[in-house]
Amino acid sequence: LHLRWRLVTSDRAREMQPQEFASIARVGDHVYTGSAGGRFFSLDALDGHVRWQEKIGSVSSRPAVAGTLLYVGTDDGELVALDMQTGKEAWKHESLGPILESPVVVNDTVIFTNEADQVYALDAKKGTARWSYKGETPEEYTLRGHAGVAISGDLAFTGFANGTMVALRVANGSVAWLTTLKG
């Protein structure tokens, strides 16, 4: 094994604990990734050449890809849709908490969760709201990190900081079932 290429995504030399949490998405010969420094990159997978970069804010999650768009959640709570070829913003939707898990695209809907125990469903092309669901946020001690979204059939599944899990209907966000996972 040998190192083929590398890219420094942000200058973190002055920080005590420089860390990057974003994951990559690969589509064909292109790699897409965000950075804590606020830039989102499109790279050539073979040589690491930067195809384009856009300043969208700090990213800690993996982008989702559908059609010609990338869906990127930011630590500031925005879901940004970017054109895969140019990096230009197609639309942006603001939520009320950091988006640390990858969004999921099903049919023409993009669904994502945030750290405020919310689930959002947006029109994948326009970014307009379809529905949202708010889990109960406990006031007592909770762990950071949420389950993200998993899709099976016409249901979207996620878990919340209070120890509950919900199945929501993708079409309208109504609750199919809700259960507690507490001991």
N, C-alpha and C. Protein backbone atom coordinates (compact mmCIF):
# COMPACT_ATOMS: atom_id res chain seq x y z
N LEU A 1 0.84 -1.18 0.00
CA LEU A 1 0.00 0.00 0.00
C LEU A 1 0.88 1.24 0.00
N HIS A 2 0.44 2.25 -0.73
CA HIS A 2 1.15 3.52 -0.72
C HIS A 2 0.15 4.65 -0.84
N LEU A 3 0.55 5.79 -0.37
CA LEU A 3 -0.30 6.97 -0.41
C LEU A 3 -0.31 7.51 -1.84
N ARG A 4 -1.49 7.60 -2.41
CA ARG A 4 -1.61 8.10 -3.78
C ARG A 4 -1.72 9.62 -3.80
N TRP A 5 -2.55 10.18 -2.91
CA TRP A 5 -2.69 11.63 -2.80
C TRP A 5 -3.31 11.98 -1.47
N ARG A 6 -3.21 13.25 -1.11
CA ARG A 6 -3.84 13.73 0.11
C ARG A 6 -4.19 15.19 -0.06
N LEU A 7 -5.19 15.64 0.69
CA LEU A 7 -5.65 17.02 0.62
C LEU A 7 -5.89 17.51 2.04
N VAL A 8 -5.33 18.66 2.37
CA VAL A 8 -5.59 19.29 3.65
C VAL A 8 -6.85 20.12 3.46
N THR A 9 -7.93 19.77 4.19
CA THR A 9 -9.22 20.43 3.97
C THR A 9 -9.37 21.72 4.76
N SER A 10 -8.59 21.90 5.81
CA SER A 10 -8.63 23.15 6.56
C SER A 10 -7.36 23.28 7.38
N ASP A 11 -6.97 24.51 7.64
CA ASP A 11 -5.77 24.76 8.44
C ASP A 11 -6.15 24.68 9.91
N ARG A 12 -5.80 23.58 10.53
CA ARG A 12 -6.17 23.34 11.92
C ARG A 12 -4.94 23.41 12.83
N ALA A 13 -3.85 24.02 12.37
CA ALA A 13 -2.58 24.02 13.09
C ALA A 13 -2.66 24.71 14.45
N ARG A 14 -3.55 25.67 14.60
CA ARG A 14 -3.62 26.43 15.86
C ARG A 14 -4.57 25.82 16.89
N GLU A 15 -5.28 24.79 16.53
CA GLU A 15 -6.23 24.19 17.45
C GLU A 15 -5.56 23.14 18.32
N MET A 16 -6.07 23.03 19.55
CA MET A 16 -5.51 22.07 20.49
C MET A 16 -5.77 20.63 20.05
N GLN A 17 -6.96 20.33 19.56
CA GLN A 17 -7.32 18.98 19.14
C GLN A 17 -7.97 19.04 17.75
N PRO A 18 -7.17 19.16 16.72
CA PRO A 18 -7.77 19.23 15.38
C PRO A 18 -8.43 17.90 15.03
N GLN A 19 -9.69 17.98 14.63
CA GLN A 19 -10.44 16.77 14.29
C GLN A 19 -11.33 17.04 13.09
N GLU A 20 -11.46 16.05 12.24
CA GLU A 20 -12.39 16.09 11.12
C GLU A 20 -13.33 14.91 11.26
N PHE A 21 -14.63 15.15 11.13
CA PHE A 21 -15.61 14.09 11.29
C PHE A 21 -16.35 13.75 10.00
N ALA A 22 -16.25 14.59 8.99
CA ALA A 22 -17.00 14.36 7.75
C ALA A 22 -16.53 13.08 7.06
N SER A 23 -17.46 12.41 6.42
CA SER A 23 -17.16 11.22 5.63
C SER A 23 -17.24 11.58 4.15
N ILE A 24 -16.81 10.68 3.31
CA ILE A 24 -16.84 10.94 1.88
C ILE A 24 -17.98 10.19 1.19
N ALA A 25 -18.37 10.71 0.05
CA ALA A 25 -19.25 10.01 -0.87
C ALA A 25 -18.50 9.92 -2.19
N ARG A 26 -18.53 8.75 -2.81
CA ARG A 26 -17.86 8.58 -4.09
C ARG A 26 -18.91 8.28 -5.15
N VAL A 27 -18.82 9.00 -6.26
CA VAL A 27 -19.69 8.78 -7.41
C VAL A 27 -18.79 8.72 -8.63
N GLY A 28 -18.66 7.54 -9.21
CA GLY A 28 -17.78 7.37 -10.36
C GLY A 28 -16.35 7.73 -10.00
N ASP A 29 -15.77 8.64 -10.75
CA ASP A 29 -14.38 9.07 -10.53
C ASP A 29 -14.27 10.30 -9.65
N HIS A 30 -15.34 10.62 -8.92
CA HIS A 30 -15.33 11.83 -8.09
C HIS A 30 -15.60 11.49 -6.63
N VAL A 31 -14.94 12.23 -5.75
CA VAL A 31 -15.11 12.09 -4.30
C VAL A 31 -15.62 13.42 -3.78
N TYR A 32 -16.59 13.37 -2.85
CA TYR A 32 -17.17 14.57 -2.26
C TYR A 32 -17.03 14.49 -0.75
N THR A 33 -16.58 15.59 -0.14
CA THR A 33 -16.44 15.61 1.32
C THR A 33 -16.47 17.04 1.84
N GLY A 34 -16.88 17.17 3.08
CA GLY A 34 -16.88 18.46 3.75
C GLY A 34 -15.72 18.55 4.72
N SER A 35 -15.65 19.67 5.44
CA SER A 35 -14.57 19.86 6.41
C SER A 35 -15.06 20.71 7.57
N ALA A 36 -14.37 20.61 8.68
CA ALA A 36 -14.67 21.44 9.85
C ALA A 36 -14.36 22.90 9.55
N GLY A 37 -13.49 23.13 8.57
CA GLY A 37 -13.13 24.48 8.18
C GLY A 37 -14.18 25.20 7.37
N GLY A 38 -15.28 24.51 7.03
CA GLY A 38 -16.40 25.16 6.37
C GLY A 38 -16.45 25.01 4.87
N ARG A 39 -15.50 24.33 4.29
CA ARG A 39 -15.49 24.15 2.83
C ARG A 39 -15.95 22.73 2.47
N PHE A 40 -16.66 22.65 1.34
CA PHE A 40 -17.10 21.37 0.81
C PHE A 40 -16.38 21.18 -0.52
N PHE A 41 -15.82 19.97 -0.74
CA PHE A 41 -14.94 19.71 -1.87
C PHE A 41 -15.48 18.64 -2.81
N SER A 42 -15.18 18.82 -4.09
CA SER A 42 -15.31 17.78 -5.11
C SER A 42 -13.91 17.51 -5.62
N LEU A 43 -13.48 16.24 -5.52
CA LEU A 43 -12.12 15.86 -5.88
C LEU A 43 -12.14 14.77 -6.94
N ASP A 44 -11.08 14.72 -7.73
CA ASP A 44 -10.88 13.60 -8.64
C ASP A 44 -10.40 12.44 -7.78
N ALA A 45 -11.08 11.31 -7.86
CA ALA A 45 -10.76 10.16 -7.00
C ALA A 45 -9.38 9.57 -7.30
N LEU A 46 -8.90 9.72 -8.52
CA LEU A 46 -7.63 9.10 -8.90
C LEU A 46 -6.41 9.90 -8.48
N ASP A 47 -6.48 11.24 -8.58
CA ASP A 47 -5.29 12.03 -8.27
C ASP A 47 -5.50 13.10 -7.20
N GLY A 48 -6.72 13.25 -6.69
CA GLY A 48 -6.99 14.21 -5.62
C GLY A 48 -7.13 15.64 -6.09
N HIS A 49 -7.10 15.87 -7.39
CA HIS A 49 -7.25 17.21 -7.94
C HIS A 49 -8.60 17.81 -7.50
N VAL A 50 -8.58 19.03 -7.00
CA VAL A 50 -9.81 19.70 -6.58
C VAL A 50 -10.56 20.17 -7.82
N ARG A 51 -11.74 19.60 -8.03
CA ARG A 51 -12.61 19.99 -9.15
C ARG A 51 -13.32 21.30 -8.83
N TRP A 52 -13.85 21.41 -7.62
CA TRP A 52 -14.47 22.64 -7.13
C TRP A 52 -14.54 22.58 -5.61
N GLN A 53 -14.73 23.74 -5.01
CA GLN A 53 -14.96 23.83 -3.57
C GLN A 53 -15.90 25.00 -3.31
N GLU A 54 -16.75 24.81 -2.30
CA GLU A 54 -17.71 25.84 -1.92
C GLU A 54 -17.69 26.01 -0.41
N LYS A 55 -17.84 27.24 0.04
CA LYS A 55 -17.93 27.51 1.47
C LYS A 55 -19.39 27.39 1.88
N ILE A 56 -19.71 26.33 2.66
CA ILE A 56 -21.11 26.13 3.08
C ILE A 56 -21.24 26.04 4.59
N GLY A 57 -20.14 25.98 5.31
CA GLY A 57 -20.17 25.81 6.77
C GLY A 57 -19.58 24.46 7.15
N SER A 58 -19.28 24.30 8.41
CA SER A 58 -18.66 23.09 8.93
C SER A 58 -19.56 21.88 8.69
N VAL A 59 -18.94 20.76 8.24
CA VAL A 59 -19.67 19.54 7.92
C VAL A 59 -19.07 18.38 8.71
N SER A 60 -19.93 17.61 9.38
CA SER A 60 -19.48 16.44 10.15
C SER A 60 -20.11 15.14 9.65
N SER A 61 -20.89 15.20 8.59
CA SER A 61 -21.60 14.01 8.13
C SER A 61 -21.22 13.66 6.69
N ARG A 62 -21.73 12.55 6.23
CA ARG A 62 -21.53 12.10 4.85
C ARG A 62 -22.63 12.71 3.99
N PRO A 63 -22.28 13.23 2.82
CA PRO A 63 -23.32 13.73 1.93
C PRO A 63 -24.13 12.59 1.32
N ALA A 64 -25.36 12.86 0.98
CA ALA A 64 -26.19 11.91 0.24
C ALA A 64 -26.20 12.36 -1.22
N VAL A 65 -26.31 11.41 -2.12
CA VAL A 65 -26.29 11.70 -3.55
C VAL A 65 -27.54 11.13 -4.20
N ALA A 66 -28.20 11.94 -5.02
CA ALA A 66 -29.36 11.47 -5.78
C ALA A 66 -29.47 12.32 -7.04
N GLY A 67 -29.53 11.65 -8.18
CA GLY A 67 -29.60 12.38 -9.44
C GLY A 67 -28.36 13.22 -9.64
N THR A 68 -28.54 14.51 -9.83
CA THR A 68 -27.42 15.42 -10.05
C THR A 68 -27.10 16.27 -8.83
N LEU A 69 -27.74 15.95 -7.68
CA LEU A 69 -27.56 16.77 -6.49
C LEU A 69 -26.87 16.02 -5.36
N LEU A 70 -26.12 16.78 -4.57
CA LEU A 70 -25.54 16.32 -3.31
C LEU A 70 -26.34 16.99 -2.20
N TYR A 71 -26.66 16.25 -1.15
CA TYR A 71 -27.40 16.80 0.00
C TYR A 71 -26.46 16.75 1.19
N VAL A 72 -26.12 17.93 1.72
CA VAL A 72 -25.09 18.05 2.74
C VAL A 72 -25.67 18.72 3.98
N GLY A 73 -25.57 18.05 5.14
CA GLY A 73 -25.99 18.64 6.40
C GLY A 73 -24.83 19.35 7.05
N THR A 74 -25.08 20.54 7.59
CA THR A 74 -24.00 21.30 8.24
C THR A 74 -24.16 21.29 9.76
N ASP A 75 -23.07 21.60 10.42
CA ASP A 75 -23.08 21.69 11.88
C ASP A 75 -23.91 22.88 12.36
N ASP A 76 -24.22 23.80 11.46
CA ASP A 76 -25.07 24.95 11.78
C ASP A 76 -26.55 24.64 11.61
N GLY A 77 -26.88 23.41 11.18
CA GLY A 77 -28.28 23.01 11.05
C GLY A 77 -28.90 23.27 9.70
N GLU A 78 -28.08 23.51 8.68
CA GLU A 78 -28.63 23.72 7.35
C GLU A 78 -28.42 22.47 6.50
N LEU A 79 -29.44 22.14 5.72
CA LEU A 79 -29.30 21.11 4.70
C LEU A 79 -29.15 21.86 3.39
N VAL A 80 -28.04 21.61 2.70
CA VAL A 80 -27.71 22.32 1.47
C VAL A 80 -27.70 21.33 0.32
N ALA A 81 -28.38 21.68 -0.77
CA ALA A 81 -28.35 20.87 -1.99
C ALA A 81 -27.39 21.55 -2.97
N LEU A 82 -26.38 20.79 -3.40
CA LEU A 82 -25.37 21.31 -4.32
C LEU A 82 -25.39 20.53 -5.63
N ASP A 83 -25.18 21.23 -6.74
CA ASP A 83 -25.03 20.57 -8.03
C ASP A 83 -23.71 19.80 -8.03
N MET A 84 -23.75 18.51 -8.38
CA MET A 84 -22.55 17.66 -8.33
C MET A 84 -21.45 18.13 -9.27
N GLN A 85 -21.81 18.69 -10.41
CA GLN A 85 -20.80 19.08 -11.39
C GLN A 85 -20.15 20.43 -11.10
N THR A 86 -20.93 21.37 -10.57
CA THR A 86 -20.42 22.74 -10.40
C THR A 86 -20.24 23.17 -8.95
N GLY A 87 -20.94 22.52 -8.03
CA GLY A 87 -20.90 22.92 -6.63
C GLY A 87 -21.83 24.07 -6.30
N LYS A 88 -22.55 24.55 -7.27
CA LYS A 88 -23.46 25.67 -7.04
C LYS A 88 -24.66 25.21 -6.20
N GLU A 89 -25.08 26.09 -5.30
CA GLU A 89 -26.20 25.80 -4.41
C GLU A 89 -27.51 25.79 -5.18
N ALA A 90 -28.25 24.67 -5.08
CA ALA A 90 -29.59 24.59 -5.68
C ALA A 90 -30.62 25.15 -4.71
N TRP A 91 -30.46 24.82 -3.42
CA TRP A 91 -31.33 25.34 -2.37
C TRP A 91 -30.71 25.05 -1.01
N LYS A 92 -31.26 25.70 0.02
CA LYS A 92 -30.80 25.52 1.39
C LYS A 92 -32.02 25.56 2.31
N HIS A 93 -32.03 24.67 3.31
CA HIS A 93 -33.13 24.63 4.28
C HIS A 93 -32.54 24.66 5.69
N GLU A 94 -33.03 25.56 6.52
CA GLU A 94 -32.52 25.71 7.88
C GLU A 94 -33.34 24.88 8.86
N SER A 95 -32.64 24.11 9.71
CA SER A 95 -33.29 23.38 10.79
C SER A 95 -32.81 23.98 12.11
N LEU A 96 -33.26 23.44 13.22
CA LEU A 96 -32.97 24.04 14.52
C LEU A 96 -31.87 23.34 15.29
N GLY A 97 -31.04 22.53 14.62
CA GLY A 97 -29.95 21.86 15.31
C GLY A 97 -28.95 21.29 14.33
N PRO A 98 -27.74 21.01 14.78
CA PRO A 98 -26.70 20.45 13.91
C PRO A 98 -27.17 19.16 13.23
N ILE A 99 -26.79 19.00 11.98
CA ILE A 99 -27.12 17.80 11.21
C ILE A 99 -25.83 16.98 11.13
N LEU A 100 -25.76 15.94 11.95
CA LEU A 100 -24.52 15.17 12.07
C LEU A 100 -24.61 13.80 11.43
N GLU A 101 -25.78 13.43 10.94
CA GLU A 101 -25.97 12.15 10.25
C GLU A 101 -26.35 12.41 8.80
N SER A 102 -26.03 11.47 7.94
CA SER A 102 -26.31 11.61 6.51
C SER A 102 -27.81 11.65 6.24
N PRO A 103 -28.24 12.56 5.36
CA PRO A 103 -29.64 12.54 4.94
C PRO A 103 -29.90 11.30 4.08
N VAL A 104 -31.17 11.00 3.86
CA VAL A 104 -31.56 9.86 3.04
C VAL A 104 -32.53 10.38 1.97
N VAL A 105 -32.32 9.94 0.73
CA VAL A 105 -33.21 10.35 -0.35
C VAL A 105 -34.03 9.14 -0.76
N VAL A 106 -35.35 9.31 -0.75
CA VAL A 106 -36.27 8.26 -1.17
C VAL A 106 -37.28 8.88 -2.13
N ASN A 107 -37.29 8.33 -3.36
CA ASN A 107 -38.10 8.89 -4.44
C ASN A 107 -37.73 10.36 -4.64
N ASP A 108 -38.65 11.27 -4.44
CA ASP A 108 -38.37 12.70 -4.63
C ASP A 108 -38.35 13.46 -3.30
N THR A 109 -38.02 12.74 -2.22
CA THR A 109 -38.01 13.33 -0.88
C THR A 109 -36.66 13.09 -0.21
N VAL A 110 -36.13 14.12 0.42
CA VAL A 110 -34.91 13.97 1.23
C VAL A 110 -35.32 14.10 2.69
N ILE A 111 -34.90 13.13 3.51
CA ILE A 111 -35.28 13.08 4.93
C ILE A 111 -34.01 13.13 5.76
N PHE A 112 -34.03 13.92 6.83
CA PHE A 112 -32.86 14.02 7.71
C PHE A 112 -33.28 14.31 9.14
N THR A 113 -32.37 14.02 10.07
CA THR A 113 -32.58 14.33 11.48
C THR A 113 -31.55 15.35 11.92
N ASN A 114 -31.82 15.99 13.06
CA ASN A 114 -30.82 16.88 13.63
C ASN A 114 -30.67 16.59 15.12
N GLU A 115 -29.76 17.28 15.74
CA GLU A 115 -29.45 17.06 17.15
C GLU A 115 -30.52 17.58 18.10
N ALA A 116 -31.56 18.22 17.57
CA ALA A 116 -32.66 18.73 18.39
C ALA A 116 -33.84 17.76 18.37
N ASP A 117 -33.56 16.48 18.03
CA ASP A 117 -34.61 15.45 17.99
C ASP A 117 -35.73 15.79 17.02
N GLN A 118 -35.36 16.30 15.85
CA GLN A 118 -36.34 16.62 14.81
C GLN A 118 -36.05 15.80 13.57
N VAL A 119 -37.11 15.48 12.84
CA VAL A 119 -37.02 14.81 11.55
C VAL A 119 -37.68 15.73 10.54
N TYR A 120 -37.00 15.94 9.42
CA TYR A 120 -37.52 16.80 8.36
C TYR A 120 -37.62 16.01 7.07
N ALA A 121 -38.66 16.28 6.29
CA ALA A 121 -38.81 15.74 4.94
C ALA A 121 -39.01 16.92 4.00
N LEU A 122 -38.16 16.98 2.96
CA LEU A 122 -38.20 18.09 2.01
C LEU A 122 -38.34 17.57 0.59
N ASP A 123 -38.90 18.40 -0.27
CA ASP A 123 -38.89 18.10 -1.69
C ASP A 123 -37.44 18.10 -2.14
N ALA A 124 -36.98 17.01 -2.75
CA ALA A 124 -35.56 16.86 -3.08
C ALA A 124 -35.09 17.85 -4.14
N LYS A 125 -35.95 18.28 -5.02
CA LYS A 125 -35.55 19.22 -6.09
C LYS A 125 -35.64 20.68 -5.66
N LYS A 126 -36.68 21.03 -4.86
CA LYS A 126 -36.93 22.43 -4.52
C LYS A 126 -36.52 22.81 -3.11
N GLY A 127 -36.41 21.83 -2.20
CA GLY A 127 -36.06 22.13 -0.81
C GLY A 127 -37.23 22.60 0.02
N THR A 128 -38.44 22.55 -0.51
CA THR A 128 -39.61 22.98 0.24
C THR A 128 -40.03 21.90 1.24
N ALA A 129 -40.56 22.35 2.36
CA ALA A 129 -40.94 21.43 3.43
C ALA A 129 -42.14 20.59 3.02
N ARG A 130 -42.05 19.29 3.32
CA ARG A 130 -43.17 18.37 3.13
C ARG A 130 -43.81 18.07 4.48
N TRP A 131 -42.98 17.70 5.46
CA TRP A 131 -43.45 17.45 6.82
C TRP A 131 -42.27 17.46 7.77
N SER A 132 -42.58 17.55 9.06
CA SER A 132 -41.55 17.45 10.09
C SER A 132 -42.15 16.75 11.30
N TYR A 133 -41.28 16.20 12.11
CA TYR A 133 -41.69 15.50 13.32
C TYR A 133 -40.71 15.87 14.41
N LYS A 134 -41.22 16.15 15.61
CA LYS A 134 -40.37 16.52 16.74
C LYS A 134 -40.50 15.47 17.81
N GLY A 135 -39.38 14.82 18.15
CA GLY A 135 -39.36 13.89 19.27
C GLY A 135 -39.28 14.66 20.58
N GLU A 136 -39.63 14.00 21.65
CA GLU A 136 -39.55 14.63 22.97
C GLU A 136 -38.09 14.69 23.40
N THR A 137 -37.60 15.87 23.71
CA THR A 137 -36.23 16.03 24.16
C THR A 137 -36.22 16.04 25.68
N PRO A 138 -35.53 15.07 26.29
CA PRO A 138 -35.49 15.02 27.76
C PRO A 138 -34.63 16.14 28.33
N GLU A 139 -34.98 16.58 29.52
CA GLU A 139 -34.20 17.62 30.18
C GLU A 139 -33.02 17.05 30.95
N GLU A 140 -33.08 15.76 31.27
CA GLU A 140 -31.99 15.14 32.00
C GLU A 140 -30.81 14.86 31.07
N TYR A 141 -29.80 14.25 31.57
CA TYR A 141 -28.58 13.94 30.84
C TYR A 141 -28.87 13.09 29.61
N THR A 142 -28.31 13.48 28.48
CA THR A 142 -28.42 12.68 27.26
C THR A 142 -27.05 12.60 26.60
N LEU A 143 -26.88 11.63 25.74
CA LEU A 143 -25.65 11.48 24.99
C LEU A 143 -25.77 12.20 23.66
N ARG A 144 -24.67 12.81 23.23
CA ARG A 144 -24.69 13.45 21.92
C ARG A 144 -24.63 12.37 20.85
N GLY A 145 -25.32 12.61 19.78
CA GLY A 145 -25.32 11.67 18.68
C GLY A 145 -26.70 11.07 18.53
N HIS A 146 -27.19 11.10 17.34
CA HIS A 146 -28.52 10.58 17.06
C HIS A 146 -28.44 9.49 16.01
N ALA A 147 -29.51 8.80 15.84
CA ALA A 147 -29.54 7.61 15.00
C ALA A 147 -29.51 7.89 13.51
N GLY A 148 -29.84 9.07 13.08
CA GLY A 148 -30.00 9.29 11.65
C GLY A 148 -31.31 8.67 11.20
N VAL A 149 -31.44 8.41 9.92
CA VAL A 149 -32.67 7.86 9.35
C VAL A 149 -32.35 6.60 8.56
N ALA A 150 -33.21 5.59 8.71
CA ALA A 150 -33.15 4.39 7.88
C ALA A 150 -34.52 4.23 7.22
N ILE A 151 -34.52 3.84 5.97
CA ILE A 151 -35.76 3.69 5.21
C ILE A 151 -35.98 2.22 4.89
N SER A 152 -37.22 1.76 5.06
CA SER A 152 -37.62 0.42 4.62
C SER A 152 -39.04 0.53 4.11
N GLY A 153 -39.21 0.26 2.83
CA GLY A 153 -40.54 0.39 2.24
C GLY A 153 -41.02 1.81 2.31
N ASP A 154 -42.21 2.00 2.88
CA ASP A 154 -42.76 3.35 2.99
C ASP A 154 -42.59 3.95 4.38
N LEU A 155 -41.64 3.39 5.17
CA LEU A 155 -41.41 3.89 6.53
C LEU A 155 -40.00 4.42 6.70
N ALA A 156 -39.89 5.49 7.49
CA ALA A 156 -38.61 6.07 7.89
C ALA A 156 -38.46 5.82 9.40
N PHE A 157 -37.33 5.24 9.81
CA PHE A 157 -37.08 4.90 11.21
C PHE A 157 -35.99 5.79 11.77
N THR A 158 -36.16 6.21 13.03
CA THR A 158 -35.11 6.95 13.72
C THR A 158 -35.30 6.80 15.22
N GLY A 159 -34.26 7.11 15.96
CA GLY A 159 -34.30 7.07 17.42
C GLY A 159 -34.00 8.45 17.98
N PHE A 160 -34.39 8.66 19.23
CA PHE A 160 -34.24 9.96 19.87
C PHE A 160 -33.48 9.86 21.19
N ALA A 161 -33.03 10.99 21.69
CA ALA A 161 -32.23 11.05 22.91
C ALA A 161 -32.98 10.55 24.14
N ASN A 162 -34.30 10.55 24.10
CA ASN A 162 -35.07 10.08 25.26
C ASN A 162 -35.25 8.57 25.28
N GLY A 163 -34.63 7.87 24.33
CA GLY A 163 -34.71 6.41 24.31
C GLY A 163 -35.89 5.85 23.54
N THR A 164 -36.54 6.67 22.72
CA THR A 164 -37.65 6.16 21.92
C THR A 164 -37.21 5.96 20.47
N MET A 165 -37.93 5.10 19.80
CA MET A 165 -37.74 4.87 18.38
C MET A 165 -39.09 5.04 17.71
N VAL A 166 -39.08 5.65 16.52
CA VAL A 166 -40.33 5.92 15.82
C VAL A 166 -40.22 5.44 14.37
N ALA A 167 -41.35 5.00 13.85
CA ALA A 167 -41.50 4.69 12.43
C ALA A 167 -42.48 5.71 11.87
N LEU A 168 -42.02 6.52 10.92
CA LEU A 168 -42.85 7.56 10.31
C LEU A 168 -43.15 7.19 8.86
N ARG A 169 -44.35 7.49 8.43
CA ARG A 169 -44.71 7.23 7.03
C ARG A 169 -44.03 8.28 6.14
N VAL A 170 -43.27 7.81 5.15
CA VAL A 170 -42.51 8.70 4.28
C VAL A 170 -43.43 9.69 3.57
N ALA A 171 -44.60 9.26 3.18
CA ALA A 171 -45.51 10.11 2.40
C ALA A 171 -45.97 11.36 3.14
N ASN A 172 -46.24 11.23 4.47
CA ASN A 172 -46.83 12.37 5.18
C ASN A 172 -46.28 12.62 6.58
N GLY A 173 -45.36 11.79 7.06
CA GLY A 173 -44.76 12.00 8.37
C GLY A 173 -45.60 11.51 9.54
N SER A 174 -46.73 10.88 9.27
CA SER A 174 -47.56 10.38 10.37
C SER A 174 -46.87 9.19 11.04
N VAL A 175 -47.16 9.00 12.31
CA VAL A 175 -46.52 7.95 13.10
C VAL A 175 -47.18 6.61 12.81
N ALA A 176 -46.39 5.64 12.36
CA ALA A 176 -46.87 4.28 12.17
C ALA A 176 -46.80 3.55 13.51
N TRP A 177 -45.70 3.75 14.24
CA TRP A 177 -45.56 3.24 15.60
C TRP A 177 -44.43 3.96 16.31
N LEU A 178 -44.49 3.90 17.63
CA LEU A 178 -43.51 4.54 18.51
C LEU A 178 -43.29 3.59 19.68
N THR A 179 -42.04 3.36 20.04
CA THR A 179 -41.75 2.47 21.16
C THR A 179 -40.58 3.01 21.97
N THR A 180 -40.51 2.60 23.22
CA THR A 180 -39.38 2.99 24.05
C THR A 180 -38.34 1.87 24.02
N LEU A 181 -37.08 2.27 24.04
CA LEU A 181 -35.98 1.31 24.04
C LEU A 181 -35.31 1.27 25.41
N LYS A 182 -35.89 1.97 26.38
CA LYS A 182 -35.33 1.99 27.74
C LYS A 182 -35.57 0.64 28.41
N GLY A 183 -34.58 0.26 29.23
CA GLY A 183 -34.59 -1.00 29.94
C GLY A 183 -35.84 -1.27 30.65
